[in-house]
Amino acid sequence: MEITGTGSERGVTARDAGLVACRRCGRVWPMRTERCGRCGSHLQSRDTGSLGRVWAFWLAGLICYVPANLNPMLITQTLLSSSKSTIVGGAVDLIHHGAIGVAIIILVASVLIPVGKFMAIAYLAVSVRRGSSISSARRHHLFEVVEFIGRWSMVDVFVVAILSSLVQLSVVASIHPGSAALTFALSVIFTMLSAQAFDTRLFWDTKDARNETT
């Protein structure tokens, strides 16, 4: 929470004003208040262990993301053959069959968004320690974007689940999720947990280069 000023002056944070905000309901209380009178949550001006949890979940998500792209996401079985498709391989097959729009959606949701989330969370975590040329407000906006788009990363898993339930023609043809479906889902969950563990109030404690030069 920040009370913004005018011109190039840095705003006054809630901590500077002797206040602490509840991270669950947003109610503001005097600094030494231990629990929120509205929702009962424990109040803490800054979560000092936040970055440790952010990096732990981030690394776990990255570890799961690698096999999610190497192992098959979809296993298709027919009377005569059986084929396995990775995320990128399945998107390429869709392009060859003329479903370019669907392929683009899968590539964006399964490759572009997850990689962008990994890079954004890592950048935000590093900026808390080392500062940044980007203002605290813009970094907070970037964090909100990361949280908003996080839910769309599961599109590929949803596609596999829908296809698996629809295409079950006994011995004629069937579609099953591959091992990548589990690791991809775990990767998305870990990155979401990483973002949720972030104490965004830490952004306002770091002096960005723009403020230092004004």
C-alpha atoms as a PDB file:
ATOM      1  CA  MET A   1       0.000   0.000   0.000  1.00  0.00           C
ATOM      2  CA  GLU A   2       1.334   3.408  -0.916  1.00  0.00           C
ATOM      3  CA  ILE A   3       0.102   6.987  -0.654  1.00  0.00           C
ATOM      4  CA  THR A   4       1.411   8.507  -3.853  1.00  0.00           C
ATOM      5  CA  GLY A   5       2.842  11.953  -4.050  1.00  0.00           C
ATOM      6  CA  THR A   6       3.179  14.445  -6.865  1.00  0.00           C
ATOM      7  CA  GLY A   7       6.029  15.093  -9.250  1.00  0.00           C
ATOM      8  CA  SER A   8       9.085  12.916  -8.817  1.00  0.00           C
ATOM      9  CA  GLU A   9       8.651  12.397  -5.089  1.00  0.00           C
ATOM     10  CA  ARG A  10       8.377   8.838  -3.871  1.00  0.00           C
ATOM     11  CA  GLY A  11       5.095   8.097  -2.129  1.00  0.00           C
ATOM     12  CA  VAL A  12       4.705   7.298   1.550  1.00  0.00           C
ATOM     13  CA  THR A  13       4.184   3.620   2.303  1.00  0.00           C
ATOM     14  CA  ALA A  14       1.836   2.258   4.950  1.00  0.00           C
ATOM     15  CA  ARG A  15       4.892   1.308   7.023  1.00  0.00           C
ATOM     16  CA  ASP A  16       6.145   4.909   6.862  1.00  0.00           C
ATOM     17  CA  ALA A  17       2.726   6.037   8.104  1.00  0.00           C
ATOM     18  CA  GLY A  18       2.792   3.572  11.000  1.00  0.00           C
ATOM     19  CA  LEU A  19       0.173   1.274   9.486  1.00  0.00           C
ATOM     20  CA  VAL A  20      -0.026  -2.365   8.432  1.00  0.00           C
ATOM     21  CA  ALA A  21      -2.484  -3.823   5.907  1.00  0.00           C
ATOM     22  CA  CYS A  22      -4.096  -7.245   6.120  1.00  0.00           C
ATOM     23  CA  ARG A  23      -3.071  -9.307   3.073  1.00  0.00           C
ATOM     24  CA  ARG A  24      -6.340 -11.255   3.143  1.00  0.00           C
ATOM     25  CA  CYS A  25      -9.063  -8.598   3.407  1.00  0.00           C
ATOM     26  CA  GLY A  26      -7.071  -5.379   2.845  1.00  0.00           C
ATOM     27  CA  ARG A  27      -8.113  -3.640   6.075  1.00  0.00           C
ATOM     28  CA  VAL A  28      -5.484  -1.247   7.477  1.00  0.00           C
ATOM     29  CA  TRP A  29      -4.551  -1.268  11.151  1.00  0.00           C
ATOM     30  CA  PRO A  30      -1.988   0.452  13.420  1.00  0.00           C
ATOM     31  CA  MET A  31       1.498  -1.034  13.093  1.00  0.00           C
ATOM     32  CA  ARG A  32       1.594  -2.999  16.362  1.00  0.00           C
ATOM     33  CA  THR A  33      -1.757  -4.737  15.827  1.00  0.00           C
ATOM     34  CA  GLU A  34      -1.160  -8.494  15.845  1.00  0.00           C
ATOM     35  CA  ARG A  35      -4.390  -9.750  14.271  1.00  0.00           C
ATOM     36  CA  CYS A  36      -6.899  -8.302  11.854  1.00  0.00           C
ATOM     37  CA  GLY A  37     -10.120  -7.381  13.626  1.00  0.00           C
ATOM     38  CA  ARG A  38     -12.116  -8.128  10.466  1.00  0.00           C
ATOM     39  CA  CYS A  39     -10.925 -11.566   9.331  1.00  0.00           C
ATOM     40  CA  GLY A  40      -8.634 -12.674  12.172  1.00  0.00           C
ATOM     41  CA  SER A  41      -5.514 -13.051  10.009  1.00  0.00           C
ATOM     42  CA  HIS A  42      -2.072 -12.545  11.484  1.00  0.00           C
ATOM     43  CA  LEU A  43      -0.742  -9.106  10.584  1.00  0.00           C
ATOM     44  CA  GLN A  44       2.828  -8.648   9.419  1.00  0.00           C
ATOM     45  CA  SER A  45       4.253  -5.495   7.893  1.00  0.00           C
ATOM     46  CA  ARG A  46       6.626  -7.483   5.687  1.00  0.00           C
ATOM     47  CA  ASP A  47       6.900 -11.227   5.153  1.00  0.00           C
ATOM     48  CA  THR A  48      10.657 -11.687   5.419  1.00  0.00           C
ATOM     49  CA  GLY A  49      10.471 -15.340   4.340  1.00  0.00           C
ATOM     50  CA  SER A  50       8.461 -14.545   1.244  1.00  0.00           C
ATOM     51  CA  LEU A  51      11.322 -14.625  -1.253  1.00  0.00           C
ATOM     52  CA  GLY A  52      12.536 -18.005  -0.015  1.00  0.00           C
ATOM     53  CA  ARG A  53       9.145 -19.564  -0.723  1.00  0.00           C
ATOM     54  CA  VAL A  54       8.929 -17.760  -4.066  1.00  0.00           C
ATOM     55  CA  TRP A  55      12.215 -19.234  -5.267  1.00  0.00           C
ATOM     56  CA  ALA A  56      11.402 -22.710  -3.888  1.00  0.00           C
ATOM     57  CA  PHE A  57       8.072 -22.904  -5.757  1.00  0.00           C
ATOM     58  CA  TRP A  58       9.641 -21.281  -8.830  1.00  0.00           C
ATOM     59  CA  LEU A  59      12.411 -23.894  -8.997  1.00  0.00           C
ATOM     60  CA  ALA A  60       9.939 -26.750  -8.465  1.00  0.00           C
ATOM     61  CA  GLY A  61       7.785 -25.394 -11.296  1.00  0.00           C
ATOM     62  CA  LEU A  62      10.784 -25.100 -13.607  1.00  0.00           C
ATOM     63  CA  ILE A  63      11.879 -28.660 -12.839  1.00  0.00           C
ATOM     64  CA  CYS A  64       8.389 -29.934 -13.727  1.00  0.00           C
ATOM     65  CA  TYR A  65       8.186 -27.796 -16.859  1.00  0.00           C
ATOM     66  CA  VAL A  66      11.177 -29.456 -18.545  1.00  0.00           C
ATOM     67  CA  PRO A  67       9.750 -33.025 -18.715  1.00  0.00           C
ATOM     68  CA  ALA A  68       6.336 -31.525 -19.522  1.00  0.00           C
ATOM     69  CA  ASN A  69       7.769 -30.408 -22.863  1.00  0.00           C
ATOM     70  CA  LEU A  70       9.881 -33.508 -23.519  1.00  0.00           C
ATOM     71  CA  ASN A  71       7.378 -36.243 -22.655  1.00  0.00           C
ATOM     72  CA  PRO A  72       4.172 -36.978 -24.585  1.00  0.00           C
ATOM     73  CA  MET A  73       1.125 -34.922 -23.654  1.00  0.00           C
ATOM     74  CA  LEU A  74      -1.323 -36.965 -25.738  1.00  0.00           C
ATOM     75  CA  ILE A  75      -1.373 -40.662 -26.645  1.00  0.00           C
ATOM     76  CA  THR A  76      -3.653 -41.624 -29.548  1.00  0.00           C
ATOM     77  CA  GLN A  77      -4.408 -45.293 -30.171  1.00  0.00           C
ATOM     78  CA  THR A  78      -6.265 -46.794 -33.134  1.00  0.00           C
ATOM     79  CA  LEU A  79      -6.681 -50.291 -34.552  1.00  0.00           C
ATOM     80  CA  LEU A  80      -3.583 -49.961 -36.702  1.00  0.00           C
ATOM     81  CA  SER A  81      -1.267 -47.564 -34.886  1.00  0.00           C
ATOM     82  CA  SER A  82      -0.402 -45.654 -31.773  1.00  0.00           C
ATOM     83  CA  SER A  83       1.071 -42.145 -31.718  1.00  0.00           C
ATOM     84  CA  LYS A  84       2.416 -39.866 -29.025  1.00  0.00           C
ATOM     85  CA  SER A  85       2.474 -36.070 -29.219  1.00  0.00           C
ATOM     86  CA  THR A  86       4.356 -33.533 -27.147  1.00  0.00           C
ATOM     87  CA  ILE A  87       2.965 -30.031 -26.600  1.00  0.00           C
ATOM     88  CA  VAL A  88       4.883 -28.484 -29.476  1.00  0.00           C
ATOM     89  CA  GLY A  89       4.535 -31.591 -31.642  1.00  0.00           C
ATOM     90  CA  GLY A  90       0.767 -31.613 -31.155  1.00  0.00           C
ATOM     91  CA  ALA A  91       0.577 -27.935 -32.120  1.00  0.00           C
ATOM     92  CA  VAL A  92       2.589 -28.650 -35.274  1.00  0.00           C
ATOM     93  CA  ASP A  93       0.212 -31.486 -36.164  1.00  0.00           C
ATOM     94  CA  LEU A  94      -2.743 -29.154 -35.734  1.00  0.00           C
ATOM     95  CA  ILE A  95      -1.113 -26.649 -38.102  1.00  0.00           C
ATOM     96  CA  HIS A  96      -0.619 -29.402 -40.699  1.00  0.00           C
ATOM     97  CA  HIS A  97      -4.326 -30.265 -40.402  1.00  0.00           C
ATOM     98  CA  GLY A  98      -5.326 -26.631 -40.900  1.00  0.00           C
ATOM     99  CA  ALA A  99      -6.279 -25.846 -37.288  1.00  0.00           C
ATOM    100  CA  ILE A 100      -3.886 -22.914 -37.077  1.00  0.00           C
ATOM    101  CA  GLY A 101      -6.009 -20.949 -34.598  1.00  0.00           C
ATOM    102  CA  VAL A 102      -6.159 -23.815 -32.099  1.00  0.00           C
ATOM    103  CA  ALA A 103      -2.427 -24.440 -32.506  1.00  0.00           C
ATOM    104  CA  ILE A 104      -1.631 -20.803 -31.761  1.00  0.00           C
ATOM    105  CA  ILE A 105      -3.815 -20.874 -28.634  1.00  0.00           C
ATOM    106  CA  ILE A 106      -2.056 -24.000 -27.359  1.00  0.00           C
ATOM    107  CA  LEU A 107       1.417 -22.607 -28.080  1.00  0.00           C
ATOM    108  CA  VAL A 108       0.607 -19.316 -26.356  1.00  0.00           C
ATOM    109  CA  ALA A 109      -1.020 -20.956 -23.329  1.00  0.00           C
ATOM    110  CA  SER A 110       1.461 -23.830 -22.977  1.00  0.00           C
ATOM    111  CA  VAL A 111       4.766 -22.247 -24.036  1.00  0.00           C
ATOM    112  CA  LEU A 112       4.677 -18.457 -24.223  1.00  0.00           C
ATOM    113  CA  ILE A 113       2.694 -17.799 -21.020  1.00  0.00           C
ATOM    114  CA  PRO A 114       4.569 -20.283 -18.764  1.00  0.00           C
ATOM    115  CA  VAL A 115       7.996 -19.103 -19.974  1.00  0.00           C
ATOM    116  CA  GLY A 116       6.897 -15.489 -19.558  1.00  0.00           C
ATOM    117  CA  LYS A 117       5.711 -16.233 -16.013  1.00  0.00           C
ATOM    118  CA  PHE A 118       9.026 -17.857 -15.089  1.00  0.00           C
ATOM    119  CA  MET A 119      10.939 -14.845 -16.403  1.00  0.00           C
ATOM    120  CA  ALA A 120       8.623 -12.285 -14.794  1.00  0.00           C
ATOM    121  CA  ILE A 121       8.627 -13.899 -11.345  1.00  0.00           C
ATOM    122  CA  ALA A 122      12.414 -14.311 -11.415  1.00  0.00           C
ATOM    123  CA  TYR A 123      12.861 -10.678 -12.446  1.00  0.00           C
ATOM    124  CA  LEU A 124      10.526  -9.411  -9.715  1.00  0.00           C
ATOM    125  CA  ALA A 125      12.261 -11.515  -7.056  1.00  0.00           C
ATOM    126  CA  VAL A 126      15.704 -10.277  -8.122  1.00  0.00           C
ATOM    127  CA  SER A 127      14.505  -6.663  -8.271  1.00  0.00           C
ATOM    128  CA  VAL A 128      13.480  -6.821  -4.614  1.00  0.00           C
ATOM    129  CA  ARG A 129      17.103  -7.525  -3.646  1.00  0.00           C
ATOM    130  CA  ARG A 130      18.979  -5.463  -6.217  1.00  0.00           C
ATOM    131  CA  GLY A 131      16.536  -2.727  -7.174  1.00  0.00           C
ATOM    132  CA  SER A 132      15.328  -1.997 -10.673  1.00  0.00           C
ATOM    133  CA  SER A 133      15.174   0.731 -13.296  1.00  0.00           C
ATOM    134  CA  ILE A 134      11.419   0.063 -13.408  1.00  0.00           C
ATOM    135  CA  SER A 135       9.359   1.881 -10.785  1.00  0.00           C
ATOM    136  CA  SER A 136       7.743   0.035  -7.892  1.00  0.00           C
ATOM    137  CA  ALA A 137       4.270   0.780  -9.243  1.00  0.00           C
ATOM    138  CA  ARG A 138       5.073  -0.740 -12.655  1.00  0.00           C
ATOM    139  CA  ARG A 139       6.585  -3.820 -11.044  1.00  0.00           C
ATOM    140  CA  HIS A 140       3.400  -4.215  -9.008  1.00  0.00           C
ATOM    141  CA  HIS A 141       1.362  -3.965 -12.223  1.00  0.00           C
ATOM    142  CA  LEU A 142       3.578  -6.641 -13.799  1.00  0.00           C
ATOM    143  CA  PHE A 143       2.899  -8.892 -10.824  1.00  0.00           C
ATOM    144  CA  GLU A 144      -0.856  -8.395 -11.230  1.00  0.00           C
ATOM    145  CA  VAL A 145      -0.572  -9.384 -14.895  1.00  0.00           C
ATOM    146  CA  VAL A 146       1.348 -12.548 -13.918  1.00  0.00           C
ATOM    147  CA  GLU A 147      -1.377 -13.478 -11.436  1.00  0.00           C
ATOM    148  CA  PHE A 148      -4.156 -12.781 -13.944  1.00  0.00           C
ATOM    149  CA  ILE A 149      -2.769 -14.861 -16.807  1.00  0.00           C
ATOM    150  CA  GLY A 150      -1.689 -17.729 -14.561  1.00  0.00           C
ATOM    151  CA  ARG A 151      -5.048 -19.489 -14.784  1.00  0.00           C
ATOM    152  CA  TRP A 152      -4.869 -19.653 -18.599  1.00  0.00           C
ATOM    153  CA  SER A 153      -1.754 -21.822 -18.506  1.00  0.00           C
ATOM    154  CA  MET A 154      -3.931 -24.897 -17.922  1.00  0.00           C
ATOM    155  CA  VAL A 155      -5.560 -24.694 -21.376  1.00  0.00           C
ATOM    156  CA  ASP A 156      -3.469 -27.556 -22.756  1.00  0.00           C
ATOM    157  CA  VAL A 157      -4.403 -29.815 -19.838  1.00  0.00           C
ATOM    158  CA  PHE A 158      -8.080 -28.959 -20.325  1.00  0.00           C
ATOM    159  CA  VAL A 159      -7.817 -29.844 -24.040  1.00  0.00           C
ATOM    160  CA  VAL A 160      -6.312 -33.225 -23.190  1.00  0.00           C
ATOM    161  CA  ALA A 161      -9.012 -33.906 -20.581  1.00  0.00           C
ATOM    162  CA  ILE A 162     -11.810 -33.016 -23.005  1.00  0.00           C
ATOM    163  CA  LEU A 163     -10.379 -35.098 -25.837  1.00  0.00           C
ATOM    164  CA  SER A 164      -9.823 -38.063 -23.508  1.00  0.00           C
ATOM    165  CA  SER A 165     -13.469 -37.978 -22.412  1.00  0.00           C
ATOM    166  CA  LEU A 166     -14.931 -37.482 -25.898  1.00  0.00           C
ATOM    167  CA  VAL A 167     -12.814 -39.783 -28.051  1.00  0.00           C
ATOM    168  CA  GLN A 168     -13.329 -43.178 -26.463  1.00  0.00           C
ATOM    169  CA  LEU A 169     -14.559 -45.489 -29.247  1.00  0.00           C
ATOM    170  CA  SER A 170     -13.746 -48.773 -27.546  1.00  0.00           C
ATOM    171  CA  VAL A 171     -11.148 -50.680 -29.612  1.00  0.00           C
ATOM    172  CA  VAL A 172     -11.532 -48.434 -32.667  1.00  0.00           C
ATOM    173  CA  ALA A 173      -9.844 -45.319 -31.308  1.00  0.00           C
ATOM    174  CA  SER A 174      -8.978 -43.786 -27.966  1.00  0.00           C
ATOM    175  CA  ILE A 175      -7.049 -40.819 -26.604  1.00  0.00           C
ATOM    176  CA  HIS A 176      -5.242 -40.843 -23.276  1.00  0.00           C
ATOM    177  CA  PRO A 177      -3.237 -38.187 -21.451  1.00  0.00           C
ATOM    178  CA  GLY A 178       0.497 -38.751 -21.414  1.00  0.00           C
ATOM    179  CA  SER A 179       2.926 -38.303 -18.545  1.00  0.00           C
ATOM    180  CA  ALA A 180       3.484 -34.673 -19.566  1.00  0.00           C
ATOM    181  CA  ALA A 181      -0.071 -33.795 -18.533  1.00  0.00           C
ATOM    182  CA  LEU A 182       0.768 -34.411 -14.873  1.00  0.00           C
ATOM    183  CA  THR A 183       4.117 -32.618 -14.883  1.00  0.00           C
ATOM    184  CA  PHE A 184       2.667 -29.681 -16.811  1.00  0.00           C
ATOM    185  CA  ALA A 185      -0.197 -29.338 -14.339  1.00  0.00           C
ATOM    186  CA  LEU A 186       2.281 -29.477 -11.456  1.00  0.00           C
ATOM    187  CA  SER A 187       4.412 -26.813 -13.139  1.00  0.00           C
ATOM    188  CA  VAL A 188       1.407 -24.488 -13.432  1.00  0.00           C
ATOM    189  CA  ILE A 189       0.418 -25.115  -9.813  1.00  0.00           C
ATOM    190  CA  PHE A 190       3.935 -24.438  -8.526  1.00  0.00           C
ATOM    191  CA  THR A 191       4.236 -21.181 -10.482  1.00  0.00           C
ATOM    192  CA  MET A 192       0.858 -20.054  -9.152  1.00  0.00           C
ATOM    193  CA  LEU A 193       2.016 -20.847  -5.615  1.00  0.00           C
ATOM    194  CA  SER A 194       5.239 -18.953  -6.307  1.00  0.00           C
ATOM    195  CA  ALA A 195       3.270 -15.863  -7.316  1.00  0.00           C
ATOM    196  CA  GLN A 196       0.929 -16.152  -4.343  1.00  0.00           C
ATOM    197  CA  ALA A 197       3.882 -16.426  -1.951  1.00  0.00           C
ATOM    198  CA  PHE A 198       5.210 -13.061  -3.148  1.00  0.00           C
ATOM    199  CA  ASP A 199       4.849 -10.229  -0.643  1.00  0.00           C
ATOM    200  CA  THR A 200       4.384  -7.374  -3.105  1.00  0.00           C
ATOM    201  CA  ARG A 201       4.881  -4.805  -0.342  1.00  0.00           C
ATOM    202  CA  LEU A 202       8.604  -5.526  -0.682  1.00  0.00           C
ATOM    203  CA  PHE A 203       8.550  -3.644  -3.989  1.00  0.00           C
ATOM    204  CA  TRP A 204       8.040  -0.374  -2.156  1.00  0.00           C
ATOM    205  CA  ASP A 205      11.065  -0.912   0.116  1.00  0.00           C
ATOM    206  CA  THR A 206      13.585  -1.029  -2.719  1.00  0.00           C
ATOM    207  CA  LYS A 207      14.918   2.153  -4.248  1.00  0.00           C
ATOM    208  CA  ASP A 208      14.707   1.960  -8.003  1.00  0.00           C
ATOM    209  CA  ALA A 209      17.291   3.680 -10.139  1.00  0.00           C
ATOM    210  CA  ARG A 210      14.763   6.192 -11.443  1.00  0.00           C
ATOM    211  CA  ASN A 211      14.115   7.529  -7.937  1.00  0.00           C
ATOM    212  CA  GLU A 212      17.800   7.575  -7.068  1.00  0.00           C
ATOM    213  CA  THR A 213      18.608   9.845  -9.995  1.00  0.00           C
ATOM    214  CA  THR A 214      15.825  12.373  -9.302  1.00  0.00           C
END
